[in-house]
Protein backbone atom coordinates (compact mmCIF):
# COMPACT_ATOMS: atom_id res chain seq x y z
CA MET A 1 105.72 81.79 96.70
CA ALA A 2 103.62 79.23 98.58
CA PHE A 3 104.13 78.31 102.18
CA ALA A 4 103.54 74.79 103.44
CA ALA A 5 101.29 74.30 106.41
CA PRO A 6 103.06 73.31 109.60
CA PRO A 7 103.04 69.58 110.30
CA ALA A 8 100.06 68.30 112.29
CA GLN A 9 100.77 67.95 115.96
CA ALA A 10 100.25 64.69 117.78
CA ASP A 11 97.25 64.54 120.04
CA ILE A 12 98.44 62.43 122.93
CA PRO A 13 96.45 64.55 125.44
CA ALA A 14 93.16 63.73 123.66
CA CYS A 15 94.09 60.06 123.77
CA THR A 16 94.94 60.13 127.46
CA ARG A 17 91.75 62.11 128.29
CA THR A 18 89.71 59.42 126.57
CA VAL A 19 91.49 56.80 128.67
CA GLN A 20 90.82 58.77 131.87
CA GLN A 21 87.12 58.92 131.02
CA THR A 22 87.03 55.13 131.28
CA GLY A 23 88.36 55.31 134.84
CA VAL A 24 91.83 54.00 133.95
CA ASP A 25 94.77 55.96 135.34
CA VAL A 26 97.19 57.40 132.81
CA SER A 27 100.41 55.49 133.34
CA ASP A 28 103.62 55.35 131.34
CA ALA A 29 102.15 52.35 129.50
CA VAL A 30 99.08 54.37 128.50
CA THR A 31 101.20 57.29 127.29
CA ALA A 32 103.41 54.90 125.32
CA ALA A 33 100.33 53.30 123.76
CA CYS A 34 98.94 56.70 122.77
CA THR A 35 102.31 57.52 121.21
CA ARG A 36 101.94 54.40 119.04
CA GLY A 37 98.61 55.79 117.86
CA VAL A 38 100.27 59.06 116.91
CA HIS A 39 102.63 57.07 114.69
CA ALA A 40 99.66 55.38 112.95
CA ASP A 41 100.12 52.03 114.73
CA LEU A 42 96.44 51.89 115.66
CA ALA A 43 96.40 48.13 116.23
CA GLY A 44 99.44 48.30 118.50
CA CYS A 45 98.00 51.29 120.33
CA ALA A 46 94.63 49.62 120.93
CA SER A 47 96.26 46.36 122.01
CA ALA A 48 98.50 48.16 124.50
CA LEU A 49 95.61 50.21 125.89
CA THR A 50 93.45 47.12 126.24
CA GLY A 51 96.34 45.47 128.09
CA ALA A 52 96.41 48.47 130.43
CA GLY A 53 92.73 47.90 131.28
CA VAL A 54 90.98 50.21 128.82
CA PRO A 55 87.81 48.64 127.34
CA GLY A 56 88.21 47.73 123.66
CA GLY A 57 85.87 50.32 122.16
CA ALA A 58 87.35 53.11 124.24
CA ALA A 59 90.88 51.95 123.37
CA ASN A 60 90.09 52.15 119.67
CA GLY A 61 88.56 55.59 120.07
CA ALA A 62 91.52 56.87 122.08
CA CYS A 63 93.95 55.63 119.44
CA ARG A 64 91.94 57.31 116.68
CA MET A 65 92.09 60.56 118.69
CA ALA A 66 95.88 60.24 118.86
CA ALA A 67 96.21 59.53 115.15
CA ASN A 68 93.92 62.34 113.98
CA PRO A 69 94.81 65.63 115.64
CA PRO A 70 92.13 68.33 115.72
């Protein structure tokens, strides 16, 4: 009998830490954007983070962190 691995957990904290490293405060908008990344909406996540003041490269990186848990 084989057991399935548990589902991967979202990594919103890694996303929000990346945002904090850019000097942008973690707001509800940032958390919502990171949640979009968790659901594989990387373009929507990056667009929302950029709108919240996160530089483009950092926004993309944060969204990738959300989408790919450790």
